[in-house]
N, C-alpha and C. Protein backbone atom coordinates (compact mmCIF):
# COMPACT_ATOMS: atom_id res chain seq x y z
N MET A 1 164.79 52.70 -16.26
CA MET A 1 163.62 53.23 -16.98
C MET A 1 163.67 52.76 -18.42
N ALA A 2 162.63 52.08 -18.85
CA ALA A 2 162.59 51.53 -20.21
C ALA A 2 162.47 52.65 -21.25
N GLN A 3 163.24 52.54 -22.33
CA GLN A 3 163.09 53.45 -23.45
C GLN A 3 161.86 53.04 -24.27
N PHE A 4 161.22 54.03 -24.88
CA PHE A 4 159.98 53.78 -25.61
C PHE A 4 160.17 54.21 -27.05
N PHE A 5 160.03 53.27 -27.97
CA PHE A 5 160.25 53.55 -29.39
C PHE A 5 158.92 53.42 -30.13
N GLU A 6 158.34 54.53 -30.51
CA GLU A 6 157.06 54.52 -31.22
C GLU A 6 157.34 54.52 -32.72
N VAL A 7 157.05 53.38 -33.37
CA VAL A 7 157.41 53.22 -34.78
C VAL A 7 156.16 52.95 -35.62
N HIS A 8 156.27 53.27 -36.91
CA HIS A 8 155.17 52.98 -37.84
C HIS A 8 155.15 51.49 -38.11
N PRO A 9 153.99 50.82 -38.03
CA PRO A 9 153.95 49.36 -38.18
C PRO A 9 154.33 48.86 -39.57
N ASP A 10 154.13 49.68 -40.60
CA ASP A 10 154.44 49.24 -41.97
C ASP A 10 155.72 49.83 -42.52
N ASN A 11 156.14 50.95 -41.97
CA ASN A 11 157.36 51.61 -42.43
C ASN A 11 158.13 52.14 -41.22
N PRO A 12 158.67 51.23 -40.41
CA PRO A 12 159.30 51.64 -39.15
C PRO A 12 160.54 52.50 -39.37
N GLN A 13 160.72 53.47 -38.50
CA GLN A 13 161.86 54.37 -38.58
C GLN A 13 163.14 53.60 -38.20
N GLN A 14 164.08 53.52 -39.14
CA GLN A 14 165.31 52.77 -38.92
C GLN A 14 166.12 53.32 -37.75
N ARG A 15 166.10 54.63 -37.58
CA ARG A 15 166.86 55.24 -36.49
C ARG A 15 166.42 54.68 -35.14
N LEU A 16 165.11 54.51 -34.96
CA LEU A 16 164.59 54.00 -33.69
C LEU A 16 164.86 52.51 -33.53
N LEU A 17 164.73 51.77 -34.62
CA LEU A 17 165.02 50.33 -34.55
C LEU A 17 166.50 50.07 -34.26
N LYS A 18 167.36 50.92 -34.78
CA LYS A 18 168.80 50.78 -34.49
C LYS A 18 169.07 51.00 -33.00
N GLN A 19 168.36 51.95 -32.42
CA GLN A 19 168.52 52.18 -30.98
C GLN A 19 168.05 50.97 -30.18
N ALA A 20 166.94 50.38 -30.60
CA ALA A 20 166.44 49.18 -29.92
C ALA A 20 167.40 48.02 -30.09
N ALA A 21 167.97 47.87 -31.30
CA ALA A 21 168.94 46.81 -31.54
C ALA A 21 170.18 47.00 -30.68
N ALA A 22 170.57 48.24 -30.45
CA ALA A 22 171.73 48.52 -29.59
C ALA A 22 171.46 48.09 -28.16
N LEU A 23 170.23 48.27 -27.69
CA LEU A 23 169.87 47.81 -26.35
C LEU A 23 170.01 46.29 -26.26
N LEU A 24 169.52 45.58 -27.26
CA LEU A 24 169.63 44.11 -27.26
C LEU A 24 171.09 43.67 -27.25
N ALA A 25 171.91 44.36 -28.03
CA ALA A 25 173.34 44.02 -28.10
C ALA A 25 174.03 44.23 -26.77
N ARG A 26 173.50 45.15 -25.96
CA ARG A 26 174.08 45.44 -24.64
C ARG A 26 173.54 44.50 -23.56
N GLY A 27 172.66 43.57 -23.94
CA GLY A 27 172.15 42.62 -22.96
C GLY A 27 170.85 43.02 -22.32
N GLU A 28 170.19 44.03 -22.87
CA GLU A 28 168.90 44.45 -22.34
C GLU A 28 167.77 43.58 -22.92
N ILE A 29 166.64 43.58 -22.22
CA ILE A 29 165.43 42.91 -22.70
C ILE A 29 164.51 43.97 -23.30
N VAL A 30 163.95 43.65 -24.46
CA VAL A 30 163.08 44.60 -25.15
C VAL A 30 161.74 43.93 -25.44
N ALA A 31 160.65 44.64 -25.17
CA ALA A 31 159.32 44.15 -25.54
C ALA A 31 159.10 44.47 -27.02
N VAL A 32 158.77 43.44 -27.81
CA VAL A 32 158.66 43.60 -29.25
C VAL A 32 157.29 43.13 -29.75
N PRO A 33 156.78 43.77 -30.82
CA PRO A 33 155.52 43.32 -31.40
C PRO A 33 155.75 42.11 -32.28
N THR A 34 154.77 41.23 -32.36
CA THR A 34 154.84 40.08 -33.27
C THR A 34 153.49 39.94 -33.97
N ASP A 35 153.36 38.92 -34.81
CA ASP A 35 152.10 38.69 -35.51
C ASP A 35 151.10 37.93 -34.64
N SER A 36 151.43 37.71 -33.37
CA SER A 36 150.47 37.08 -32.46
C SER A 36 150.20 37.97 -31.25
N SER A 37 151.24 38.36 -30.53
CA SER A 37 151.09 39.25 -29.38
C SER A 37 152.44 39.87 -29.12
N TYR A 38 152.53 40.71 -28.11
CA TYR A 38 153.85 41.24 -27.74
C TYR A 38 154.66 40.15 -27.05
N ALA A 39 155.98 40.26 -27.20
CA ALA A 39 156.89 39.28 -26.60
C ALA A 39 158.04 40.01 -25.95
N LEU A 40 158.70 39.34 -25.03
CA LEU A 40 159.95 39.82 -24.45
C LEU A 40 161.09 39.14 -25.18
N ALA A 41 162.06 39.91 -25.63
CA ALA A 41 163.16 39.35 -26.43
C ALA A 41 164.51 39.80 -25.88
N CYS A 42 165.52 38.94 -26.08
CA CYS A 42 166.87 39.29 -25.66
C CYS A 42 167.88 38.60 -26.56
N HIS A 43 169.15 38.94 -26.35
CA HIS A 43 170.26 38.34 -27.09
C HIS A 43 170.39 36.87 -26.72
N LEU A 44 170.53 36.02 -27.71
CA LEU A 44 170.60 34.57 -27.49
C LEU A 44 171.75 34.16 -26.59
N ASP A 45 172.90 34.80 -26.74
CA ASP A 45 174.11 34.35 -26.05
C ASP A 45 174.39 35.07 -24.73
N ASP A 46 173.44 35.84 -24.25
CA ASP A 46 173.66 36.59 -23.02
C ASP A 46 172.97 35.88 -21.85
N LYS A 47 173.75 35.19 -21.03
CA LYS A 47 173.19 34.39 -19.94
C LYS A 47 172.39 35.26 -18.96
N ASP A 48 172.92 36.43 -18.61
CA ASP A 48 172.23 37.28 -17.63
C ASP A 48 170.88 37.73 -18.18
N ALA A 49 170.83 38.05 -19.47
CA ALA A 49 169.57 38.49 -20.08
C ALA A 49 168.56 37.35 -20.10
N VAL A 50 169.04 36.14 -20.41
CA VAL A 50 168.14 34.98 -20.43
C VAL A 50 167.60 34.71 -19.03
N ASP A 51 168.45 34.81 -18.02
CA ASP A 51 168.00 34.61 -16.64
C ASP A 51 166.96 35.66 -16.25
N GLN A 52 167.19 36.91 -16.66
CA GLN A 52 166.22 37.97 -16.35
C GLN A 52 164.90 37.74 -17.07
N LEU A 53 164.98 37.23 -18.30
CA LEU A 53 163.77 36.90 -19.06
C LEU A 53 162.91 35.90 -18.29
N ARG A 54 163.56 34.87 -17.76
CA ARG A 54 162.83 33.85 -16.99
C ARG A 54 162.29 34.43 -15.68
N ARG A 55 163.06 35.31 -15.05
CA ARG A 55 162.59 35.91 -13.79
C ARG A 55 161.33 36.76 -14.00
N ILE A 56 161.33 37.53 -15.08
CA ILE A 56 160.17 38.39 -15.35
C ILE A 56 158.92 37.54 -15.57
N ARG A 57 159.06 36.47 -16.34
CA ARG A 57 157.93 35.59 -16.61
C ARG A 57 157.67 34.62 -15.46
N GLN A 58 158.64 34.46 -14.57
CA GLN A 58 158.57 33.50 -13.46
C GLN A 58 158.36 32.08 -13.99
N VAL A 59 159.25 31.69 -14.92
CA VAL A 59 159.23 30.34 -15.48
C VAL A 59 160.59 29.70 -15.26
N ASP A 60 160.60 28.36 -15.19
CA ASP A 60 161.88 27.66 -14.97
C ASP A 60 162.47 27.21 -16.30
N ASP A 61 163.57 26.43 -16.21
CA ASP A 61 164.28 26.05 -17.43
C ASP A 61 163.54 24.99 -18.25
N LYS A 62 162.44 24.47 -17.74
CA LYS A 62 161.63 23.51 -18.51
C LYS A 62 160.61 24.23 -19.41
N HIS A 63 160.48 25.52 -19.21
CA HIS A 63 159.58 26.30 -20.06
C HIS A 63 160.30 26.62 -21.38
N HIS A 64 159.70 26.22 -22.49
CA HIS A 64 160.35 26.45 -23.78
C HIS A 64 160.41 27.94 -24.10
N LEU A 65 161.62 28.43 -24.28
CA LEU A 65 161.81 29.75 -24.87
C LEU A 65 161.85 29.57 -26.39
N THR A 66 161.66 30.65 -27.12
CA THR A 66 161.55 30.55 -28.57
C THR A 66 162.63 31.37 -29.26
N LEU A 67 163.25 30.77 -30.27
CA LEU A 67 164.17 31.51 -31.13
C LEU A 67 163.35 32.11 -32.27
N ILE A 68 163.39 33.43 -32.39
CA ILE A 68 162.70 34.11 -33.48
C ILE A 68 163.71 34.37 -34.59
N CYS A 69 163.44 33.80 -35.76
CA CYS A 69 164.37 33.87 -36.89
C CYS A 69 163.78 34.70 -38.03
N ARG A 70 164.67 35.18 -38.90
CA ARG A 70 164.23 35.96 -40.05
C ARG A 70 163.63 35.08 -41.14
N ASP A 71 164.20 33.89 -41.31
CA ASP A 71 163.73 33.00 -42.38
C ASP A 71 164.16 31.57 -42.07
N LEU A 72 163.77 30.64 -42.93
CA LEU A 72 164.06 29.23 -42.69
C LEU A 72 165.54 28.91 -42.79
N SER A 73 166.28 29.64 -43.63
CA SER A 73 167.72 29.36 -43.74
C SER A 73 168.42 29.63 -42.42
N GLU A 74 167.95 30.64 -41.70
CA GLU A 74 168.53 30.94 -40.39
C GLU A 74 168.10 29.89 -39.37
N LEU A 75 166.85 29.48 -39.46
CA LEU A 75 166.31 28.48 -38.53
C LEU A 75 167.11 27.18 -38.58
N SER A 76 167.54 26.79 -39.78
CA SER A 76 168.23 25.51 -39.95
C SER A 76 169.57 25.45 -39.23
N ASN A 77 170.12 26.61 -38.85
CA ASN A 77 171.37 26.61 -38.10
C ASN A 77 171.17 26.16 -36.65
N TYR A 78 169.93 26.24 -36.18
CA TYR A 78 169.66 26.00 -34.76
C TYR A 78 168.81 24.77 -34.49
N ALA A 79 168.28 24.14 -35.55
CA ALA A 79 167.45 22.96 -35.37
C ALA A 79 167.76 21.93 -36.43
N ARG A 80 167.63 20.65 -36.04
CA ARG A 80 167.79 19.56 -37.01
C ARG A 80 166.45 19.36 -37.71
N VAL A 81 166.47 19.52 -39.02
CA VAL A 81 165.23 19.49 -39.81
C VAL A 81 165.40 18.54 -40.99
N ASP A 82 164.50 17.53 -41.09
CA ASP A 82 164.56 16.65 -42.26
C ASP A 82 163.65 17.20 -43.36
N ASN A 83 163.60 16.53 -44.50
CA ASN A 83 162.85 17.04 -45.65
C ASN A 83 161.36 17.19 -45.36
N LYS A 84 160.79 16.22 -44.65
CA LYS A 84 159.37 16.25 -44.35
C LYS A 84 159.04 17.43 -43.42
N GLN A 85 159.87 17.60 -42.41
CA GLN A 85 159.67 18.72 -41.50
C GLN A 85 159.83 20.05 -42.24
N TYR A 86 160.81 20.11 -43.13
CA TYR A 86 161.07 21.35 -43.85
C TYR A 86 159.87 21.75 -44.72
N ARG A 87 159.25 20.79 -45.36
CA ARG A 87 158.09 21.10 -46.20
C ARG A 87 156.96 21.70 -45.38
N LEU A 88 156.75 21.16 -44.17
CA LEU A 88 155.71 21.71 -43.30
C LEU A 88 156.07 23.12 -42.86
N LEU A 89 157.33 23.31 -42.50
CA LEU A 89 157.79 24.62 -42.07
C LEU A 89 157.63 25.65 -43.19
N LYS A 90 157.97 25.24 -44.39
CA LYS A 90 157.89 26.16 -45.53
C LYS A 90 156.45 26.59 -45.79
N ALA A 91 155.50 25.67 -45.58
CA ALA A 91 154.09 25.98 -45.81
C ALA A 91 153.54 26.96 -44.76
N ALA A 92 154.15 26.95 -43.57
CA ALA A 92 153.57 27.71 -42.45
C ALA A 92 154.34 28.98 -42.09
N THR A 93 155.45 29.25 -42.76
CA THR A 93 156.24 30.43 -42.40
C THR A 93 156.37 31.38 -43.58
N PRO A 94 156.42 32.70 -43.31
CA PRO A 94 156.28 33.30 -41.98
C PRO A 94 154.83 33.25 -41.51
N GLY A 95 154.64 33.19 -40.21
CA GLY A 95 153.29 33.13 -39.69
C GLY A 95 153.27 32.90 -38.19
N PRO A 96 152.08 32.90 -37.58
CA PRO A 96 151.95 32.80 -36.12
C PRO A 96 152.02 31.37 -35.59
N TYR A 97 153.13 30.72 -35.86
CA TYR A 97 153.35 29.35 -35.39
C TYR A 97 154.68 29.28 -34.63
N THR A 98 154.72 28.43 -33.62
CA THR A 98 155.97 28.07 -32.95
C THR A 98 156.16 26.57 -33.12
N PHE A 99 157.34 26.17 -33.59
CA PHE A 99 157.61 24.76 -33.83
C PHE A 99 158.68 24.27 -32.87
N LEU A 100 158.40 23.14 -32.22
CA LEU A 100 159.39 22.51 -31.34
C LEU A 100 160.20 21.53 -32.17
N LEU A 101 161.51 21.71 -32.14
CA LEU A 101 162.42 20.91 -32.95
C LEU A 101 163.64 20.53 -32.11
N GLU A 102 164.35 19.52 -32.58
CA GLU A 102 165.59 19.11 -31.90
C GLU A 102 166.65 20.18 -32.11
N ALA A 103 167.22 20.66 -31.01
CA ALA A 103 168.20 21.73 -31.08
C ALA A 103 169.55 21.21 -31.56
N THR A 104 170.26 22.05 -32.32
CA THR A 104 171.64 21.73 -32.72
C THR A 104 172.59 22.22 -31.63
N LYS A 105 173.87 21.98 -31.83
CA LYS A 105 174.86 22.43 -30.86
C LYS A 105 175.06 23.94 -30.90
N GLU A 106 174.49 24.61 -31.91
CA GLU A 106 174.57 26.07 -31.97
C GLU A 106 173.72 26.72 -30.88
N VAL A 107 172.77 25.97 -30.33
CA VAL A 107 171.88 26.51 -29.31
C VAL A 107 172.51 26.29 -27.93
N PRO A 108 172.76 27.35 -27.17
CA PRO A 108 173.31 27.17 -25.83
C PRO A 108 172.45 26.23 -25.00
N ARG A 109 173.05 25.32 -24.26
CA ARG A 109 172.30 24.32 -23.50
C ARG A 109 171.34 24.95 -22.51
N ARG A 110 171.70 26.12 -22.01
CA ARG A 110 170.86 26.76 -20.99
C ARG A 110 169.52 27.23 -21.54
N VAL A 111 169.38 27.33 -22.87
CA VAL A 111 168.12 27.83 -23.41
C VAL A 111 167.28 26.74 -24.08
N SER A 112 167.84 25.52 -24.23
CA SER A 112 167.03 24.42 -24.75
C SER A 112 166.43 23.65 -23.57
N HIS A 113 165.41 22.83 -23.87
CA HIS A 113 164.76 22.06 -22.81
C HIS A 113 165.77 21.10 -22.19
N PRO A 114 165.92 21.07 -20.85
CA PRO A 114 167.01 20.32 -20.22
C PRO A 114 166.94 18.82 -20.45
N GLN A 115 165.73 18.24 -20.57
CA GLN A 115 165.61 16.80 -20.80
C GLN A 115 165.52 16.46 -22.29
N ARG A 116 164.67 17.17 -22.98
CA ARG A 116 164.37 16.81 -24.37
C ARG A 116 165.38 17.38 -25.37
N LYS A 117 166.16 18.40 -24.95
CA LYS A 117 167.11 19.07 -25.86
C LYS A 117 166.40 19.61 -27.09
N THR A 118 165.24 20.20 -26.85
CA THR A 118 164.46 20.81 -27.93
C THR A 118 164.41 22.32 -27.74
N ILE A 119 164.04 23.01 -28.81
CA ILE A 119 163.92 24.46 -28.76
C ILE A 119 162.70 24.86 -29.59
N GLY A 120 162.03 25.91 -29.17
CA GLY A 120 160.95 26.46 -29.97
C GLY A 120 161.51 27.44 -30.99
N LEU A 121 161.07 27.32 -32.23
CA LEU A 121 161.52 28.24 -33.27
C LEU A 121 160.34 28.79 -34.05
N ARG A 122 160.48 30.04 -34.49
CA ARG A 122 159.42 30.60 -35.31
C ARG A 122 159.94 31.72 -36.21
N VAL A 123 159.24 31.90 -37.33
CA VAL A 123 159.53 32.97 -38.28
C VAL A 123 158.28 33.84 -38.34
N PRO A 124 158.30 35.02 -37.74
CA PRO A 124 157.08 35.84 -37.64
C PRO A 124 156.78 36.58 -38.94
N ASP A 125 155.53 36.93 -39.10
CA ASP A 125 155.10 37.74 -40.24
C ASP A 125 154.76 39.13 -39.71
N HIS A 126 155.81 39.88 -39.34
CA HIS A 126 155.63 41.22 -38.78
C HIS A 126 156.79 42.09 -39.23
N ARG A 127 156.47 43.13 -39.99
CA ARG A 127 157.50 43.96 -40.62
C ARG A 127 158.49 44.55 -39.62
N VAL A 128 157.98 45.09 -38.52
CA VAL A 128 158.85 45.74 -37.54
C VAL A 128 159.83 44.74 -36.94
N LEU A 129 159.33 43.58 -36.53
CA LEU A 129 160.18 42.58 -35.90
C LEU A 129 161.20 42.03 -36.88
N LEU A 130 160.80 41.80 -38.12
CA LEU A 130 161.75 41.29 -39.12
C LEU A 130 162.87 42.29 -39.39
N GLU A 131 162.53 43.57 -39.43
CA GLU A 131 163.58 44.58 -39.64
C GLU A 131 164.49 44.69 -38.42
N LEU A 132 163.93 44.52 -37.22
CA LEU A 132 164.76 44.51 -36.02
C LEU A 132 165.72 43.32 -36.05
N LEU A 133 165.23 42.15 -36.47
CA LEU A 133 166.08 40.97 -36.57
C LEU A 133 167.22 41.19 -37.57
N THR A 134 166.92 41.86 -38.67
CA THR A 134 167.95 42.15 -39.66
C THR A 134 169.03 43.05 -39.06
N LEU A 135 168.62 44.06 -38.33
CA LEU A 135 169.59 44.96 -37.70
C LEU A 135 170.39 44.25 -36.62
N HIS A 136 169.73 43.35 -35.89
CA HIS A 136 170.42 42.60 -34.82
C HIS A 136 171.40 41.59 -35.40
N GLY A 137 171.08 41.04 -36.56
CA GLY A 137 172.01 40.18 -37.27
C GLY A 137 171.96 38.71 -36.91
N GLU A 138 171.10 38.32 -36.01
CA GLU A 138 170.94 36.92 -35.63
C GLU A 138 169.61 36.75 -34.91
N PRO A 139 169.18 35.50 -34.68
CA PRO A 139 167.90 35.30 -34.00
C PRO A 139 167.87 35.92 -32.60
N LEU A 140 166.67 36.21 -32.16
CA LEU A 140 166.45 36.67 -30.80
C LEU A 140 165.78 35.56 -29.99
N LEU A 141 166.10 35.50 -28.72
CA LEU A 141 165.43 34.57 -27.83
C LEU A 141 164.25 35.30 -27.22
N ALA A 142 163.08 34.66 -27.24
CA ALA A 142 161.88 35.38 -26.82
C ALA A 142 160.91 34.49 -26.06
N THR A 143 159.98 35.15 -25.38
CA THR A 143 158.87 34.48 -24.72
C THR A 143 157.66 35.40 -24.79
N THR A 144 156.49 34.82 -24.94
CA THR A 144 155.26 35.61 -24.99
C THR A 144 155.13 36.45 -23.73
N LEU A 145 154.70 37.70 -23.88
CA LEU A 145 154.62 38.60 -22.73
C LEU A 145 153.32 38.36 -21.97
N ILE A 146 153.34 37.31 -21.17
CA ILE A 146 152.22 36.99 -20.27
C ILE A 146 152.70 37.26 -18.84
N PRO A 147 152.11 38.22 -18.15
CA PRO A 147 152.56 38.52 -16.79
C PRO A 147 152.40 37.31 -15.87
N PRO A 148 153.24 37.19 -14.84
CA PRO A 148 153.14 36.08 -13.89
C PRO A 148 151.76 35.98 -13.28
N GLY A 149 151.23 34.76 -13.23
CA GLY A 149 149.93 34.54 -12.63
C GLY A 149 148.75 34.84 -13.53
N GLU A 150 149.03 35.27 -14.75
CA GLU A 150 147.95 35.57 -15.69
C GLU A 150 148.01 34.62 -16.88
N THR A 151 146.97 34.63 -17.69
CA THR A 151 146.91 33.71 -18.83
C THR A 151 146.85 34.44 -20.17
N GLU A 152 146.57 35.76 -20.15
CA GLU A 152 146.45 36.51 -21.39
C GLU A 152 147.72 37.30 -21.66
N ALA A 153 148.15 37.28 -22.93
CA ALA A 153 149.31 38.07 -23.33
C ALA A 153 148.97 39.55 -23.36
N MET A 154 149.94 40.39 -23.01
CA MET A 154 149.72 41.83 -23.03
C MET A 154 149.78 42.34 -24.47
N ASN A 155 148.96 43.34 -24.74
CA ASN A 155 148.80 43.82 -26.10
C ASN A 155 148.95 45.32 -26.24
N ASP A 156 148.98 46.04 -25.12
CA ASP A 156 149.05 47.50 -25.14
C ASP A 156 150.47 47.92 -24.75
N PRO A 157 151.24 48.49 -25.68
CA PRO A 157 152.63 48.84 -25.37
C PRO A 157 152.78 49.85 -24.25
N THR A 158 151.80 50.75 -24.11
CA THR A 158 151.87 51.73 -23.02
C THR A 158 151.73 51.03 -21.67
N GLN A 159 150.82 50.08 -21.58
CA GLN A 159 150.66 49.32 -20.34
C GLN A 159 151.90 48.47 -20.06
N ILE A 160 152.50 47.93 -21.11
CA ILE A 160 153.72 47.14 -20.94
C ILE A 160 154.81 48.01 -20.33
N ARG A 161 154.96 49.21 -20.85
CA ARG A 161 155.97 50.11 -20.32
C ARG A 161 155.72 50.43 -18.86
N GLU A 162 154.46 50.75 -18.52
CA GLU A 162 154.12 51.11 -17.14
C GLU A 162 154.38 49.96 -16.17
N ARG A 163 154.12 48.74 -16.63
CA ARG A 163 154.21 47.59 -15.73
C ARG A 163 155.64 47.06 -15.59
N PHE A 164 156.43 47.17 -16.67
CA PHE A 164 157.74 46.52 -16.67
C PHE A 164 158.91 47.48 -16.89
N GLU A 165 158.66 48.79 -16.77
CA GLU A 165 159.70 49.74 -17.15
C GLU A 165 160.97 49.64 -16.30
N LYS A 166 160.86 49.07 -15.10
CA LYS A 166 162.05 48.92 -14.27
C LYS A 166 162.75 47.57 -14.46
N GLN A 167 162.14 46.70 -15.28
CA GLN A 167 162.69 45.36 -15.47
C GLN A 167 163.25 45.13 -16.87
N ILE A 168 162.86 45.98 -17.82
CA ILE A 168 163.32 45.80 -19.19
C ILE A 168 163.96 47.08 -19.71
N GLY A 169 164.68 46.94 -20.82
CA GLY A 169 165.41 48.08 -21.36
C GLY A 169 164.61 48.95 -22.31
N GLY A 170 163.61 48.35 -22.97
CA GLY A 170 162.87 49.13 -23.95
C GLY A 170 161.58 48.47 -24.38
N VAL A 171 160.73 49.28 -25.01
CA VAL A 171 159.46 48.81 -25.58
C VAL A 171 159.36 49.38 -26.99
N ILE A 172 159.13 48.50 -27.97
CA ILE A 172 158.88 48.96 -29.34
C ILE A 172 157.38 49.02 -29.55
N ASP A 173 156.86 50.22 -29.68
CA ASP A 173 155.43 50.43 -29.85
C ASP A 173 155.12 50.51 -31.34
N ALA A 174 154.52 49.43 -31.87
CA ALA A 174 154.08 49.42 -33.27
C ALA A 174 152.57 49.28 -33.32
N GLY A 175 151.90 49.72 -32.26
CA GLY A 175 150.46 49.57 -32.18
C GLY A 175 150.07 48.23 -31.60
N ALA A 176 148.77 48.00 -31.52
CA ALA A 176 148.26 46.76 -30.92
C ALA A 176 148.55 45.57 -31.82
N CYS A 177 148.81 44.42 -31.19
CA CYS A 177 148.97 43.15 -31.89
C CYS A 177 147.67 42.36 -31.77
N PRO A 178 147.56 41.24 -32.47
CA PRO A 178 146.30 40.47 -32.42
C PRO A 178 145.91 39.95 -31.04
N SER A 179 146.86 39.92 -30.11
CA SER A 179 146.58 39.46 -28.74
C SER A 179 146.06 38.03 -28.71
N GLU A 180 146.69 37.19 -29.49
CA GLU A 180 146.36 35.77 -29.51
C GLU A 180 147.68 35.01 -29.64
N PRO A 181 147.91 33.96 -28.85
CA PRO A 181 149.20 33.28 -28.89
C PRO A 181 149.41 32.52 -30.20
N THR A 182 150.64 32.13 -30.43
CA THR A 182 150.94 31.32 -31.60
C THR A 182 150.35 29.92 -31.43
N THR A 183 150.15 29.26 -32.54
CA THR A 183 149.87 27.82 -32.53
C THR A 183 151.21 27.11 -32.35
N VAL A 184 151.29 26.22 -31.36
CA VAL A 184 152.54 25.51 -31.06
C VAL A 184 152.42 24.06 -31.53
N VAL A 185 153.38 23.64 -32.32
CA VAL A 185 153.37 22.29 -32.88
C VAL A 185 154.71 21.62 -32.63
N ASP A 186 154.68 20.42 -32.06
CA ASP A 186 155.88 19.64 -31.82
C ASP A 186 156.18 18.80 -33.07
N LEU A 187 157.29 19.10 -33.73
CA LEU A 187 157.66 18.37 -34.94
C LEU A 187 158.64 17.23 -34.69
N THR A 188 159.07 17.07 -33.44
CA THR A 188 160.07 16.02 -33.17
C THR A 188 159.56 14.61 -33.46
N PRO A 189 158.25 14.28 -33.29
CA PRO A 189 157.82 12.92 -33.64
C PRO A 189 158.03 12.58 -35.11
N MET A 190 158.06 13.59 -35.97
CA MET A 190 158.24 13.35 -37.39
C MET A 190 159.61 12.76 -37.69
N GLY A 191 160.58 13.06 -36.84
CA GLY A 191 161.92 12.52 -37.04
C GLY A 191 161.98 11.01 -36.89
N ALA A 192 160.97 10.43 -36.22
CA ALA A 192 160.91 8.98 -36.04
C ALA A 192 159.75 8.38 -36.83
N GLY A 193 159.27 9.13 -37.83
CA GLY A 193 158.20 8.62 -38.68
C GLY A 193 156.80 8.90 -38.18
N GLY A 194 156.67 9.67 -37.10
CA GLY A 194 155.36 9.97 -36.54
C GLY A 194 154.74 11.22 -37.16
N ASP A 195 153.67 11.68 -36.54
CA ASP A 195 152.96 12.86 -37.02
C ASP A 195 153.24 14.06 -36.13
N PRO A 196 153.07 15.26 -36.67
CA PRO A 196 153.20 16.45 -35.84
C PRO A 196 152.20 16.40 -34.68
N LEU A 197 152.60 16.95 -33.55
CA LEU A 197 151.75 16.91 -32.36
C LEU A 197 151.35 18.34 -31.99
N LEU A 198 150.04 18.58 -31.95
CA LEU A 198 149.55 19.90 -31.57
C LEU A 198 149.72 20.09 -30.06
N VAL A 199 150.45 21.12 -29.68
CA VAL A 199 150.67 21.43 -28.26
C VAL A 199 149.71 22.51 -27.79
N ARG A 200 149.48 23.51 -28.65
CA ARG A 200 148.56 24.59 -28.29
C ARG A 200 147.96 25.16 -29.57
N GLN A 201 146.65 25.24 -29.61
CA GLN A 201 146.02 25.88 -30.75
C GLN A 201 145.92 27.37 -30.50
N GLY A 202 146.44 28.14 -31.42
CA GLY A 202 146.44 29.59 -31.29
C GLY A 202 146.00 30.25 -32.59
N ARG A 203 146.69 31.32 -32.95
CA ARG A 203 146.26 32.11 -34.10
C ARG A 203 146.52 31.42 -35.43
N GLY A 204 147.57 30.58 -35.51
CA GLY A 204 147.89 29.91 -36.76
C GLY A 204 146.88 28.83 -37.11
N PRO A 205 146.25 28.88 -38.31
CA PRO A 205 145.26 27.87 -38.69
C PRO A 205 145.85 26.48 -38.76
N LEU A 206 145.12 25.49 -38.28
CA LEU A 206 145.61 24.11 -38.30
C LEU A 206 145.66 23.55 -39.71
N ALA A 207 144.76 24.01 -40.58
CA ALA A 207 144.71 23.48 -41.95
C ALA A 207 146.01 23.72 -42.70
N THR A 208 146.68 24.84 -42.37
CA THR A 208 147.93 25.18 -43.05
C THR A 208 149.00 24.12 -42.81
N ILE A 209 148.94 23.48 -41.66
CA ILE A 209 149.96 22.49 -41.31
C ILE A 209 149.39 21.07 -41.35
N GLY A 210 148.22 20.92 -41.93
CA GLY A 210 147.65 19.59 -42.13
C GLY A 210 147.13 18.91 -40.88
N LEU A 211 146.71 19.70 -39.89
CA LEU A 211 146.19 19.13 -38.65
C LEU A 211 144.69 19.43 -38.52
């Protein structure tokens, strides 16, 4: 049975976020609010949790999972970033963007793309999630909460609890999210002198990243 943490979106109760962080540390999956939609998140280094994350979404290892980081300094531990890429990242973070970058050896092979060795990374602009990341002490591995066979991300935490309460450890209810996916941009071509490649247009404005 999933635990339900109802928190204030601008001033979240630390006691409740600590309980949610404890679930993540124990290998549970928690539904978390973001600046785009709700997401499923788990501990980066927990293989069983990562496997359960994929089972819930019914996606294989070629589906990019995303590392959610507190800031760019944390992101640089998990992705190879040159000066040009960094300037673009700095202009767009925090915000509703996911960037595909070349993964470093800090990223477990099981969570990066098996052929491309890339990982999705993002720095969200959401107070509750950023405070949860601080309590957790490292990035979380996440995927947009889109039920199998559907195309729209879930936005109602009560419905999330009802639908997934036997599959996840907890739900952080910070109210409704924008219910629009992130803008996904592949930055790996920039490493060879190319241009960023738009993979999916979402909530993040293209003008911010020069597209």
